[in-house]
Every structure is written in C-alpha cells, then in structure tokens.
Amino acid sequence: MKRLFFFGFFLVSPQLFAGTEMNHLTWYGIIPALLAIFLAISTKQVVLSLLTGLISGSVIQSFLHESQSYFFGIDKVFDFYLLNSIANREHASILLFSFLIAGSIHIMTKMGAFNGLIQWLSKFAKSKRSALLITYFMGFFVFFDDYANTLVVGNTMQKITDRFKISREKLAFVVDATAAPIASIAFVSTWIGYEIQLIKDGLDSANYDSLDSAYGIFLNSVPYSFYPILMLIFVFILILTGKDFGSMKKFEAMPDQVLTSKVEIQKSIAAVWAIVPIILLLFVTLFGIYITGETKGGVINAIQTGNCYKGLLWGSGSCFFTVFFISVCTKNKVSENLNWMFEGFKSILPALTILILAWGLNGVLEDLKLGDYIGHIMSQSNVSFYIIPLITFILSSLVAFSTGSSFSTMGILIPIVISVCLSFKTTEYFEYSIFYASIASVLSGSVLGDHCSPISDTTVLSSMATGCNHINHVNSQLIYCLVAGGISVLLIFLHSILDLNLIVLYIIGGVLIWLIIKVLGGKKFNTTGK
C-alpha cells in the first residue's frame, strides 16, 4: 500500500505543480520535509526516509522548473543535491573532520590510550550520577563549537557510561543537550560570527543606526535565550535527581543493552597519551579559528570572524598525526595503525550517509523556499509588538524542525524579525527588552527545532559520536526538549506580557523543571554506586 501511495504521488505530481513558477512563494516545500520526518519516525528507517523526502522534493522542484531536469527531478537527486552535499567546502570539512576524529579515537582505543583515560576518569566517576556529571561539565569545557563538542565528549564518555550501565540514549541526550545550547550563547564560539553578521544585516536592511554594535545587541539578547539556558538547567536537575520519564525511562530500565558494545580492556597505557591529543585538538582548533579571524580587533573579535572549518580541520589533523606518532612510538606497527584507522573510518560511514542525505534534503528545501515562505507569512501578519518573541520562538522551532538546520533558520528569520520589530520603533509600544527577546527567540527556537528534528546534522552527529541508534536518540530526547520548550514559551509569555524580572523567570523555570521531573520521573537510579 505504501509503495502504491508513493508511486501515485509521483504520477500526479505533474498535474499538481505544472505551470507553477517560483517567482512567488508556495507551500509545496512543506511536503518533502513532513514526508521525511513522518517516515523517519514511523518506519525507523532514516536513510530511506531522507531519500524519499529528497526525491519527492526534487520531483516537485523539477515541475516548478521543467527545463532543469531530464528524469522528473530524480536525476537531480544524485547529480546536484547529493553531489553538492559532498562538494560543498563546509560540508566536506565536516566529513573530513569526522573521519579524522573517528580514526584518531579508534587508534587511541586499540593502542590502549583510551582505556588508560577511562581508568583515570573512573577515579572521579564513582556512580551513574558522577559519570553523567563529568559528561555534562565536559560539554562546558568544549564550549566553542557544537560539532567538536559532540564528537569529543561523545566518543570519550562512551565506555565510562557503559561501565555504569547508562544507556547510549541517555548519553546521547546529555551530549546533544550540552552542545548547541552552550555554543549558541557562549560569548566566544563558532556561532557568534554568523549570528552577529545576521544581526548586522537585519539592522542594515531596516536602515537603522544602533548605538550598540551587533555584538552588543547579541550580548543583550543572551539573557532572553530561554530554551538553551533552561535545557542546561533541565539536564543538571535530571542528573542530580536520578530520574527519567518518557522513552528515556524505558531505555534506562534496560541496562543490559549497553553491554552489547565490545569494551576491550585488554591493553592499557598511560592516560596522558589520550589527554595530550585531545588537548591538542581543542587548542589547535581554537587557535586556528583565532588566527584566521581579524586579530587586530582582539581575541574575541578574531574568534567571531575566524574560519571555524579550517580550525576544525587543523585541530583534527594535528590530533590524528599525534595519535599515529604516539602509537608507533609505543611499538605498534604502521600497518596495524593503518588498519585501525580504516576501521575507525568504517565505523562512522552509516552516520555520515545520514548526514549527507540530510544536507541534500536541506538543499532541496532551500530551493523550494520553505523557510522564506514561512518567514513571509510572519512578516505579512498584523501582530502585536509584545507577542513577537512568542510567535518568533514557535515559528523558528517549526522551521528548524522542518529543515533540520538551525543556521538556515536563523539566516531566514533574524533579518525579518529585526525589521518587524524596528517597524514599531516610532510607536509608543517599542521596548528594547522585547526587541532583544525577539532576536533571542529566533536563536532559542532554532536550537529547539534542531534538537527535535531527526534530519538535523547535529542530532545525527550526537547519535554517531555516542554509538546510539539515531531514531532511539530522537524519540528519547523529544519529550525532554518539549518540556524545556514548553516552559520557555511560558517564560517568554510572562516576560512579554507581565514584564517579570529575568531572575524571577529563571527561578520559576527551574522550579517547574524540578516539579515535572519529580512528578513524571520514575524510580531514580542508584546514584551511590554502580
């Protein structure tokens, strides 16, 4: 029946979209996004779901541009969208970075360095709670980039959390929940340059001369980034209470599943030989971002304007060659190291396949102007100034969930939101707190939608880095993200309508999180031992 449905869809596509031009925005872009998301959740076949969404989007696009395809758009799936996904310089950088990290981690594991690191960290990880707290605070340590954060923390903590029978789903959630939320609001990170440029573009398009710089406006908006901050509070309280609810409760109740991973403690060398490459990875990455930026404006300005992709490649490359050299010096043959390297590459191929397909789907959604269409609806709406932050948060969440990209969501909505807010500048209703909250709501909603979407690249990387089934990761963290998102909606409403103090709002948010976990949470885990 499903096959007949999809076949029928492709047959009627010419009649549905024939004669439609792309000189105006249409709703058609929502079809491939919803199709991919629905199939991914219902069938648990992520590759097939993403490919189906990509093909359907390309077919729709081909009938909107009839002259650009030879086989009803199916040819463009391979010779355009997937090819561009790999050929894109930034995407290729992430792929190479992932391969180098995977190869480094596998060599470190085989030569015994990771086992040494695990034994060293185990001195501090005495229980489930302490193991999860180490994972949590490591996320703050790798604050400057969400990709580096996910891959370093996820790979490092796998075996430690396995020892305490913490499910991979729980590990993936903690890693995912401390990656983008931290990088998105950190004063110095790979997100900042992009966010500041968008704010500047929005101010320029609105012809508004602000006394504050774009960076100053960003800093003023950070306290209103309710979702990232509440998610960090949520994870911390969840770990301290030792309770879970929703799908996560089921996964945590099946601890034996983590024992299926092959934990090899046959060989161990000093932990320093794992710590040195990881520190080098972080230092060279941060230094690379700094050196490629505008250093004359200071450290912060340099990192804001630096090339994060070059930094990631330099960092991962230095880490890989250092690990390879250490392994050879500890009397492992070059041929053994090469075999371990290829085994590491092979281990992440399934996850990178999903990542490439997600990029391809994002490309077709961009061509179908899905984000522009949703943004256009918002800009044409006659809304009250005080509810702009609330509408913005919900809308950016939906766009990020549908497209799987927080960056594209911010790129579409931040200039629009700034223009809409500044249109009230000459009225008595304008307030800077609402203006800052509106900008922050785009950022917060983008992170929420990114967390909930099965086609998000950061969600895929979290699954890959922690060795977790991707759909299990999405399903298990969804309820947690929605709880934090729901409380964010409440706080945005209370701030916009009642103008409550931010400290009071975060106290309310923290209390609500604690109450929800207390009421919905099941039997807590043993926090004092294994």
Protein backbone atom coordinates (compact mmCIF):
# COMPACT_ATOMS: atom_id res chain seq x y z
CA MET A 1 0.00 0.00 0.00
CA LYS A 2 2.80 2.42 0.90
CA ARG A 3 4.56 1.74 -2.40
CA LEU A 4 1.34 2.43 -4.30
CA PHE A 5 0.90 5.67 -2.40
CA PHE A 6 4.37 6.98 -3.28
CA PHE A 7 4.08 5.80 -6.87
CA GLY A 8 0.75 7.58 -7.17
CA PHE A 9 2.23 10.72 -5.67
CA PHE A 10 4.95 10.86 -8.31
CA LEU A 11 2.38 10.21 -11.05
CA VAL A 12 0.12 13.07 -10.05
CA SER A 13 2.99 15.47 -9.35
CA PRO A 14 2.96 16.93 -12.89
CA GLN A 15 -0.71 17.84 -12.55
CA LEU A 16 -0.20 19.28 -9.06
CA PHE A 17 2.71 21.54 -9.87
CA ALA A 18 2.64 22.06 -13.66
CA GLY A 19 2.55 25.69 -14.60
CA THR A 20 3.62 26.89 -11.16
CA GLU A 21 6.51 29.37 -11.19
CA MET A 22 8.96 30.09 -8.42
CA ASN A 23 8.70 33.85 -8.71
CA HIS A 24 6.31 33.66 -5.74
CA LEU A 25 6.49 31.66 -2.55
CA THR A 26 4.42 28.48 -2.22
CA TRP A 27 3.59 25.90 0.42
CA TYR A 28 4.92 22.94 -1.58
CA GLY A 29 8.21 22.87 0.31
CA ILE A 30 6.49 21.50 3.41
CA ILE A 31 5.67 18.21 1.60
CA PRO A 32 9.19 16.67 1.44
CA ALA A 33 10.04 17.93 4.94
CA LEU A 34 6.96 16.38 6.55
CA LEU A 35 7.31 13.22 4.44
CA ALA A 36 10.89 12.64 5.59
CA ILE A 37 10.10 13.38 9.24
CA PHE A 38 6.92 11.26 9.29
CA LEU A 39 8.60 8.27 7.65
CA ALA A 40 11.69 8.52 9.85
CA ILE A 41 9.57 8.38 13.00
CA SER A 42 7.05 5.77 11.79
CA THR A 43 9.35 3.35 9.93
CA LYS A 44 12.61 3.97 11.89
CA GLN A 45 14.42 3.73 8.52
CA VAL A 46 16.24 7.06 8.46
CA VAL A 47 18.19 6.58 5.22
CA LEU A 48 15.10 5.51 3.27
CA SER A 49 13.03 8.31 4.80
CA LEU A 50 15.54 11.02 3.97
CA LEU A 51 16.00 9.66 0.46
CA THR A 52 12.22 9.59 -0.07
CA GLY A 53 11.90 13.18 1.13
CA LEU A 54 14.80 14.23 -1.07
CA ILE A 55 13.36 12.52 -4.16
CA SER A 56 9.87 13.96 -3.58
CA GLY A 57 11.32 17.46 -3.13
CA SER A 58 13.41 17.14 -6.26
CA VAL A 59 10.38 15.92 -8.24
CA ILE A 60 8.33 18.90 -7.03
CA GLN A 61 11.19 21.26 -7.85
CA SER A 62 11.54 19.78 -11.35
CA PHE A 63 7.92 20.55 -12.19
CA LEU A 64 8.38 24.08 -10.93
CA HIS A 65 11.42 24.36 -13.22
CA GLU A 66 10.62 21.95 -16.05
CA SER A 67 13.72 22.70 -18.14
CA GLN A 68 16.24 21.86 -15.42
CA SER A 69 15.68 18.09 -15.21
CA TYR A 70 15.67 15.14 -17.62
CA PHE A 71 14.08 12.41 -15.47
CA PHE A 72 11.32 14.14 -13.48
CA GLY A 73 13.83 15.50 -10.98
CA ILE A 74 15.20 12.12 -9.92
CA ASP A 75 18.46 12.79 -11.78
CA LYS A 76 18.98 15.98 -9.75
CA VAL A 77 18.94 13.97 -6.54
CA PHE A 78 22.28 12.43 -7.49
CA ASP A 79 23.98 14.86 -9.86
CA PHE A 80 23.00 18.02 -7.98
CA TYR A 81 21.73 17.74 -4.42
CA LEU A 82 23.81 14.82 -3.14
CA LEU A 83 26.82 15.92 -5.16
CA ASN A 84 26.58 19.43 -3.72
CA SER A 85 26.20 17.97 -0.24
CA ILE A 86 29.64 16.40 -0.56
CA ALA A 87 31.29 19.03 -2.76
CA ASN A 88 30.28 21.94 -0.52
CA ARG A 89 33.51 23.10 1.11
CA GLU A 90 32.00 23.45 4.58
CA HIS A 91 30.27 20.07 4.35
CA ALA A 92 33.45 18.42 3.10
CA SER A 93 35.29 19.94 6.06
CA ILE A 94 32.82 18.35 8.50
CA LEU A 95 33.13 14.98 6.73
CA LEU A 96 36.93 15.07 6.83
CA PHE A 97 36.87 16.29 10.42
CA SER A 98 34.57 13.37 11.36
CA PHE A 99 36.80 10.83 9.60
CA LEU A 100 39.95 12.15 11.28
CA ILE A 101 38.30 12.15 14.72
CA ALA A 102 36.92 8.63 14.21
CA GLY A 103 40.32 7.38 13.05
CA SER A 104 42.08 9.05 15.99
CA ILE A 105 39.61 7.67 18.53
CA HIS A 106 39.88 4.14 17.14
CA ILE A 107 43.69 4.18 17.15
CA MET A 108 43.71 5.54 20.71
CA THR A 109 41.32 2.77 21.72
CA LYS A 110 43.35 0.00 20.08
CA MET A 111 46.71 1.17 21.41
CA GLY A 112 45.26 1.36 24.94
CA ALA A 113 45.34 5.14 25.47
CA PHE A 114 41.58 5.42 25.77
CA ASN A 115 41.50 2.58 28.25
CA GLY A 116 44.08 4.48 30.28
CA LEU A 117 41.93 7.62 30.07
CA ILE A 118 38.87 5.64 31.12
CA GLN A 119 40.70 4.23 34.12
CA TRP A 120 41.85 7.73 35.09
CA LEU A 121 38.37 9.29 34.72
CA SER A 122 36.91 6.32 36.58
CA LYS A 123 38.66 7.62 39.70
CA PHE A 124 36.21 10.54 39.57
CA ALA A 125 33.26 8.58 38.15
CA LYS A 126 32.15 6.57 41.16
CA SER A 127 28.48 6.31 40.23
CA LYS A 128 25.96 6.94 37.48
CA ARG A 129 25.46 10.46 38.74
CA SER A 130 29.15 11.38 38.76
CA ALA A 131 29.68 9.78 35.33
CA LEU A 132 26.85 11.86 33.88
CA LEU A 133 28.09 15.00 35.66
CA ILE A 134 31.53 14.51 34.10
CA THR A 135 29.84 14.26 30.70
CA TYR A 136 27.79 17.36 31.46
CA PHE A 137 30.72 19.55 32.50
CA MET A 138 32.90 18.31 29.64
CA GLY A 139 30.29 19.95 27.40
CA PHE A 140 31.13 23.29 29.02
CA PHE A 141 34.84 22.61 28.54
CA VAL A 142 34.44 22.24 24.76
CA PHE A 143 32.28 25.36 24.59
CA PHE A 144 33.48 26.93 21.36
CA ASP A 145 31.95 24.58 18.76
CA ASP A 146 28.98 22.19 18.85
CA TYR A 147 30.49 19.75 16.32
CA ALA A 148 33.77 19.43 18.24
CA ASN A 149 31.82 19.25 21.50
CA THR A 150 29.63 16.38 20.29
CA LEU A 151 32.39 14.26 18.76
CA VAL A 152 34.98 14.72 21.53
CA VAL A 153 32.65 14.32 24.53
CA GLY A 154 30.55 11.56 22.95
CA ASN A 155 33.49 9.38 21.97
CA THR A 156 35.35 9.97 25.24
CA MET A 157 32.48 9.10 27.57
CA GLN A 158 31.04 6.02 25.81
CA LYS A 159 32.91 3.34 27.71
CA ILE A 160 32.77 5.15 31.05
CA THR A 161 28.97 5.42 30.92
CA ASP A 162 28.79 1.80 29.70
CA ARG A 163 30.54 0.69 32.89
CA PHE A 164 27.73 2.20 34.96
CA LYS A 165 25.06 0.74 32.66
CA ILE A 166 23.94 4.15 31.43
CA SER A 167 22.05 3.71 28.18
CA ARG A 168 23.51 5.15 24.99
CA GLU A 169 20.25 7.09 24.61
CA LYS A 170 20.87 8.89 27.90
CA LEU A 171 24.47 9.62 26.93
CA ALA A 172 23.40 10.93 23.51
CA PHE A 173 20.85 13.22 25.17
CA VAL A 174 23.35 14.71 27.64
CA VAL A 175 25.90 15.23 24.84
CA ASP A 176 23.33 16.77 22.46
CA ALA A 177 21.80 18.95 25.17
CA THR A 178 25.16 20.48 26.13
CA ALA A 179 26.49 21.07 22.60
CA ALA A 180 24.40 23.62 20.66
CA PRO A 181 22.87 25.25 23.78
CA ILE A 182 26.34 26.11 25.08
CA ALA A 183 27.89 27.08 21.71
CA SER A 184 24.87 29.21 20.78
CA ILE A 185 25.08 31.51 23.81
CA ALA A 186 28.82 31.42 24.56
CA PHE A 187 30.44 34.84 24.25
CA VAL A 188 33.16 33.30 22.09
CA SER A 189 32.21 30.44 19.78
CA THR A 190 31.90 29.43 16.14
CA TRP A 191 28.24 30.50 16.20
CA ILE A 192 28.88 34.09 17.22
CA GLY A 193 30.32 35.43 13.96
CA TYR A 194 27.36 34.12 11.98
CA GLU A 195 24.79 35.43 14.46
CA ILE A 196 26.39 38.86 14.65
CA GLN A 197 26.55 39.15 10.86
CA LEU A 198 22.84 38.30 10.62
CA ILE A 199 22.00 40.94 13.21
CA LYS A 200 24.09 43.50 11.32
CA ASP A 201 22.38 42.56 8.04
CA GLY A 202 18.98 42.97 9.71
CA LEU A 203 19.90 46.41 11.04
CA ASP A 204 21.25 47.47 7.65
CA SER A 205 18.16 46.26 5.77
CA ALA A 206 15.96 48.19 8.21
CA ASN A 207 18.16 51.29 7.75
CA TYR A 208 18.61 51.54 11.49
CA ASP A 209 21.67 53.10 13.12
CA SER A 210 22.01 51.47 16.52
CA LEU A 211 24.12 52.91 19.31
CA ASP A 212 25.05 49.31 20.17
CA SER A 213 27.16 47.18 17.87
CA ALA A 214 25.74 43.96 16.50
CA TYR A 215 27.83 42.13 19.10
CA GLY A 216 26.43 44.35 21.83
CA ILE A 217 22.88 43.56 20.70
CA PHE A 218 23.74 39.85 20.76
CA LEU A 219 25.12 40.11 24.30
CA ASN A 220 21.97 41.94 25.41
CA SER A 221 19.83 39.19 23.87
CA VAL A 222 21.62 36.27 25.58
CA PRO A 223 19.71 36.52 28.90
CA TYR A 224 16.47 36.09 26.92
CA SER A 225 17.67 32.86 25.28
CA PHE A 226 15.32 30.85 27.47
CA TYR A 227 15.47 27.45 25.78
CA PRO A 228 19.27 26.91 25.72
CA ILE A 229 19.60 28.06 29.34
CA LEU A 230 16.58 26.06 30.54
CA MET A 231 17.84 22.95 28.74
CA LEU A 232 21.15 23.19 30.61
CA ILE A 233 19.23 23.59 33.88
CA PHE A 234 16.98 20.67 32.92
CA VAL A 235 19.89 18.30 32.27
CA PHE A 236 21.60 19.28 35.53
CA ILE A 237 18.46 18.70 37.63
CA LEU A 238 17.74 15.45 35.77
CA ILE A 239 21.19 14.12 36.62
CA LEU A 240 21.01 15.23 40.27
CA THR A 241 17.57 13.70 40.85
CA GLY A 242 18.48 10.48 39.02
CA LYS A 243 15.02 10.24 37.48
CA ASP A 244 13.78 9.78 33.91
CA PHE A 245 10.44 9.76 32.14
CA GLY A 246 9.05 9.09 28.68
CA SER A 247 11.02 6.84 26.33
CA MET A 248 14.24 7.50 28.24
CA LYS A 249 12.78 5.74 31.27
CA LYS A 250 12.31 2.61 29.15
CA PHE A 251 15.88 2.69 27.80
CA GLU A 252 17.36 3.28 31.25
CA ALA A 253 15.35 0.34 32.55
CA MET A 254 17.16 -1.94 30.08
CA PRO A 255 20.79 -1.52 31.19
CA ASP A 256 21.90 -4.82 29.70
CA GLN A 257 21.69 -3.34 26.21
CA VAL A 258 24.84 -1.30 26.79
CA LEU A 259 26.77 -4.47 27.47
CA THR A 260 26.43 -5.44 23.81
CA SER A 261 29.18 -2.97 22.96
CA LYS A 262 32.59 -4.59 22.95
CA VAL A 263 34.54 -2.99 25.76
CA GLU A 264 38.10 -4.14 25.32
CA ILE A 265 40.25 -3.57 28.38
CA GLN A 266 42.99 -5.91 27.19
CA LYS A 267 45.62 -3.23 26.75
CA SER A 268 46.20 -0.01 28.63
CA ILE A 269 48.82 2.73 28.55
CA ALA A 270 49.10 5.99 30.46
CA ALA A 271 46.07 8.29 30.25
CA VAL A 272 48.33 11.19 29.28
CA TRP A 273 48.67 9.71 25.76
CA ALA A 274 44.93 10.21 25.26
CA ILE A 275 44.77 13.54 27.09
CA VAL A 276 47.56 15.15 25.04
CA PRO A 277 45.90 14.58 21.61
CA ILE A 278 42.51 15.77 22.93
CA ILE A 279 44.02 18.94 24.45
CA LEU A 280 45.94 19.47 21.19
CA LEU A 281 42.69 19.05 19.23
CA LEU A 282 40.96 21.72 21.32
CA PHE A 283 43.92 24.11 21.39
CA VAL A 284 44.75 23.92 17.66
CA THR A 285 41.07 24.21 16.71
CA LEU A 286 40.61 27.32 18.85
CA PHE A 287 43.94 28.77 17.69
CA GLY A 288 43.03 28.05 14.05
CA ILE A 289 39.74 29.89 14.43
CA TYR A 290 41.59 32.79 16.07
CA ILE A 291 44.42 33.04 13.52
CA THR A 292 42.02 33.02 10.53
CA GLY A 293 39.99 35.87 12.01
CA GLU A 294 40.59 39.60 12.28
CA THR A 295 43.23 39.55 15.01
CA LYS A 296 43.63 43.34 15.07
CA GLY A 297 40.27 43.64 16.81
CA GLY A 298 41.29 41.48 19.75
CA VAL A 299 40.81 37.84 20.70
CA ILE A 300 37.02 37.91 20.87
CA ASN A 301 36.69 39.66 17.51
CA ALA A 302 39.19 37.25 15.92
CA ILE A 303 37.25 34.18 17.04
CA GLN A 304 33.97 35.76 15.94
CA THR A 305 35.32 36.37 12.45
CA GLY A 306 37.52 33.28 12.18
CA ASN A 307 37.06 30.29 9.88
CA CYS A 308 35.77 27.53 12.17
CA TYR A 309 36.06 24.90 9.44
CA LYS A 310 39.76 25.49 8.96
CA GLY A 311 40.20 25.39 12.72
CA LEU A 312 38.36 22.07 12.98
CA LEU A 313 40.44 20.55 10.18
CA TRP A 314 43.74 21.76 11.61
CA GLY A 315 42.76 20.54 15.06
CA SER A 316 41.59 17.10 13.93
CA GLY A 317 44.59 16.73 11.61
CA SER A 318 47.08 17.56 14.38
CA CYS A 319 45.24 15.19 16.70
CA PHE A 320 45.33 12.36 14.17
CA PHE A 321 49.05 12.64 13.34
CA THR A 322 49.92 12.98 17.03
CA VAL A 323 47.96 9.84 17.87
CA PHE A 324 49.53 7.97 14.96
CA PHE A 325 53.04 9.04 16.08
CA ILE A 326 52.39 8.07 19.72
CA SER A 327 51.05 4.70 18.65
CA VAL A 328 54.13 3.96 16.55
CA CYS A 329 56.38 5.06 19.42
CA THR A 330 54.58 2.63 21.75
CA LYS A 331 55.70 -0.23 19.47
CA ASN A 332 52.59 -0.64 17.32
CA LYS A 333 53.33 -1.38 13.68
CA VAL A 334 52.49 1.19 10.99
CA SER A 335 50.40 -1.43 9.20
CA GLU A 336 48.39 -2.00 12.41
CA ASN A 337 47.76 1.72 12.77
CA LEU A 338 46.56 1.98 9.18
CA ASN A 339 44.16 -0.92 9.70
CA TRP A 340 42.84 0.69 12.90
CA MET A 341 42.43 3.97 11.04
CA PHE A 342 40.30 2.36 8.32
CA GLU A 343 38.25 0.53 10.96
CA GLY A 344 37.54 3.92 12.53
CA PHE A 345 36.54 5.35 9.16
CA LYS A 346 34.24 2.40 8.54
CA SER A 347 32.50 2.80 11.90
CA ILE A 348 31.03 6.20 11.04
CA LEU A 349 30.02 5.56 7.41
CA PRO A 350 26.34 4.83 8.28
CA ALA A 351 26.04 8.06 10.28
CA LEU A 352 27.80 10.13 7.60
CA THR A 353 25.43 8.66 5.00
CA ILE A 354 22.52 10.05 7.02
CA LEU A 355 24.32 13.37 7.37
CA ILE A 356 24.88 13.67 3.59
CA LEU A 357 21.23 12.83 2.88
CA ALA A 358 20.12 15.41 5.48
CA TRP A 359 22.25 18.03 3.76
CA GLY A 360 20.74 17.05 0.41
CA LEU A 361 17.22 17.42 1.80
CA ASN A 362 18.13 20.79 3.29
CA GLY A 363 19.32 21.84 -0.17
CA VAL A 364 16.05 20.95 -1.88
CA LEU A 365 14.05 22.63 0.89
CA GLU A 366 16.11 25.76 0.36
CA ASP A 367 15.37 25.65 -3.38
CA LEU A 368 11.67 25.22 -2.62
CA LYS A 369 11.98 28.29 -0.35
CA LEU A 370 10.25 26.64 2.59
CA GLY A 371 11.90 28.91 5.15
CA ASP A 372 11.24 32.02 3.05
CA TYR A 373 7.58 31.05 2.73
CA ILE A 374 7.15 30.68 6.49
CA GLY A 375 9.09 33.89 7.10
CA HIS A 376 6.92 35.70 4.54
CA ILE A 377 3.78 34.64 6.40
CA MET A 378 5.20 36.09 9.59
CA SER A 379 6.31 39.38 8.03
CA GLN A 380 2.86 39.91 6.50
CA SER A 381 0.99 39.19 9.73
CA ASN A 382 -0.50 42.07 11.68
CA VAL A 383 0.73 41.11 15.16
CA SER A 384 1.07 42.94 18.46
CA PHE A 385 4.60 44.05 19.28
CA TYR A 386 4.51 42.31 22.65
CA ILE A 387 3.83 38.84 21.30
CA ILE A 388 6.53 38.95 18.61
CA PRO A 389 9.01 36.99 20.83
CA LEU A 390 6.43 34.24 21.43
CA ILE A 391 5.43 33.94 17.77
CA THR A 392 9.09 34.07 16.73
CA PHE A 393 10.05 31.26 19.10
CA ILE A 394 7.28 28.94 17.90
CA LEU A 395 7.86 29.79 14.24
CA SER A 396 11.64 29.33 14.35
CA SER A 397 11.14 25.99 16.14
CA LEU A 398 8.86 24.79 13.34
CA VAL A 399 11.22 25.99 10.60
CA ALA A 400 14.27 24.36 12.23
CA PHE A 401 12.33 21.15 12.85
CA SER A 402 11.19 21.03 9.21
CA THR A 403 14.52 21.94 7.63
CA GLY A 404 16.83 20.30 10.19
CA SER A 405 19.08 23.35 10.19
CA SER A 406 19.35 25.94 12.95
CA PHE A 407 21.76 28.07 10.89
CA SER A 408 19.42 28.34 7.90
CA THR A 409 16.53 29.14 10.26
CA MET A 410 18.48 31.97 11.85
CA GLY A 411 19.60 33.18 8.42
CA ILE A 412 16.00 33.42 7.26
CA LEU A 413 14.26 34.78 10.35
CA ILE A 414 16.70 37.07 12.18
CA PRO A 415 16.69 39.83 9.49
CA ILE A 416 12.88 39.54 9.19
CA VAL A 417 12.32 39.69 12.94
CA ILE A 418 14.61 42.71 13.28
CA SER A 419 12.74 44.51 10.50
CA VAL A 420 9.35 43.67 12.02
CA CYS A 421 10.46 44.85 15.49
CA LEU A 422 12.02 48.07 14.23
CA SER A 423 8.84 48.90 12.33
CA PHE A 424 7.43 49.65 15.82
CA LYS A 425 10.37 51.94 16.69
CA THR A 426 8.42 55.12 16.09
CA THR A 427 5.42 53.95 18.12
CA GLU A 428 4.79 54.11 21.85
CA TYR A 429 4.83 50.31 22.10
CA PHE A 430 8.53 49.77 21.31
CA GLU A 431 10.66 48.38 24.15
CA TYR A 432 14.28 47.25 23.84
CA SER A 433 13.68 44.25 26.11
CA ILE A 434 11.08 42.92 23.65
CA PHE A 435 13.47 43.65 20.77
CA TYR A 436 16.28 41.66 22.42
CA ALA A 437 13.87 38.88 23.40
CA SER A 438 12.67 38.61 19.78
CA ILE A 439 16.22 38.12 18.48
CA ALA A 440 16.93 35.61 21.25
CA SER A 441 13.71 33.75 20.41
CA VAL A 442 14.97 33.04 16.90
CA LEU A 443 18.14 31.57 18.36
CA SER A 444 16.29 29.60 21.05
CA GLY A 445 13.64 28.27 18.68
CA SER A 446 16.31 27.23 16.18
CA VAL A 447 18.09 25.15 18.82
CA LEU A 448 14.79 23.57 19.97
CA GLY A 449 13.74 22.61 16.44
CA ASP A 450 17.24 21.33 15.75
CA HIS A 451 17.10 19.12 18.85
CA CYS A 452 13.71 17.65 17.91
CA SER A 453 14.36 17.05 14.21
CA PRO A 454 15.54 13.62 13.04
CA ILE A 455 17.08 15.24 9.96
CA SER A 456 19.27 17.67 11.89
CA ASP A 457 23.01 17.26 11.34
CA THR A 458 23.87 17.90 15.00
CA THR A 459 21.32 15.30 16.11
CA VAL A 460 22.86 12.81 13.68
CA LEU A 461 26.37 13.62 14.96
CA SER A 462 25.23 13.08 18.56
CA SER A 463 23.91 9.63 17.65
CA MET A 464 27.11 8.85 15.76
CA ALA A 465 29.51 10.06 18.47
CA THR A 466 27.77 8.11 21.23
CA GLY A 467 27.10 4.93 19.26
CA CYS A 468 23.35 5.34 19.74
CA ASN A 469 20.57 4.28 17.37
CA HIS A 470 19.51 7.53 15.70
CA ILE A 471 15.75 7.09 15.96
CA ASN A 472 16.05 5.97 19.57
CA HIS A 473 18.01 9.14 20.29
CA VAL A 474 15.40 11.36 18.63
CA ASN A 475 12.46 9.65 20.33
CA SER A 476 14.03 9.51 23.79
CA GLN A 477 15.05 13.16 23.96
CA LEU A 478 11.92 14.56 22.27
CA ILE A 479 9.80 14.75 25.43
CA TYR A 480 12.66 16.39 27.34
CA CYS A 481 13.10 19.01 24.64
CA LEU A 482 9.36 19.68 24.52
CA VAL A 483 9.23 20.15 28.29
CA ALA A 484 12.06 22.70 28.18
CA GLY A 485 10.44 24.26 25.10
CA GLY A 486 7.02 24.47 26.79
CA ILE A 487 8.47 26.17 29.86
CA SER A 488 10.33 28.54 27.52
CA VAL A 489 7.01 29.50 25.92
CA LEU A 490 5.60 30.27 29.37
CA LEU A 491 8.60 32.39 30.38
CA ILE A 492 8.53 34.31 27.09
CA PHE A 493 4.82 35.00 27.65
CA LEU A 494 5.35 36.14 31.26
CA HIS A 495 8.22 38.40 30.22
CA SER A 496 6.37 39.93 27.28
CA ILE A 497 3.01 40.46 28.99
CA LEU A 498 3.89 40.94 32.68
CA ASP A 499 7.48 42.19 32.25
CA LEU A 500 8.74 39.97 35.08
CA ASN A 501 12.37 40.18 36.17
CA LEU A 502 14.66 37.68 34.45
CA ILE A 503 15.93 36.25 37.74
CA VAL A 504 12.33 35.61 38.83
CA LEU A 505 11.59 33.98 35.47
CA TYR A 506 14.52 31.58 35.72
CA ILE A 507 13.58 30.70 39.29
CA ILE A 508 10.08 29.88 38.04
CA GLY A 509 11.57 27.84 35.18
CA GLY A 510 13.89 25.91 37.49
CA VAL A 511 11.10 25.13 39.96
CA LEU A 512 8.80 23.95 37.15
CA ILE A 513 11.53 21.70 35.75
CA TRP A 514 12.13 20.19 39.19
CA LEU A 515 8.40 19.61 39.75
CA ILE A 516 7.90 17.99 36.33
CA ILE A 517 10.87 15.65 36.81
CA LYS A 518 9.68 14.88 40.36
CA VAL A 519 6.12 14.09 39.23
CA LEU A 520 6.79 12.33 35.91
CA GLY A 521 10.13 10.74 36.79
CA GLY A 522 10.23 7.06 37.56
CA LYS A 523 12.30 5.26 40.16
CA LYS A 524 15.63 7.01 40.37
CA PHE A 525 18.85 5.20 39.56
CA ASN A 526 21.35 4.16 42.18
CA THR A 527 23.43 7.34 42.50
CA THR A 528 25.87 5.96 45.05
CA GLY A 529 27.31 3.01 43.19
CA LYS A 530 27.39 1.01 40.01
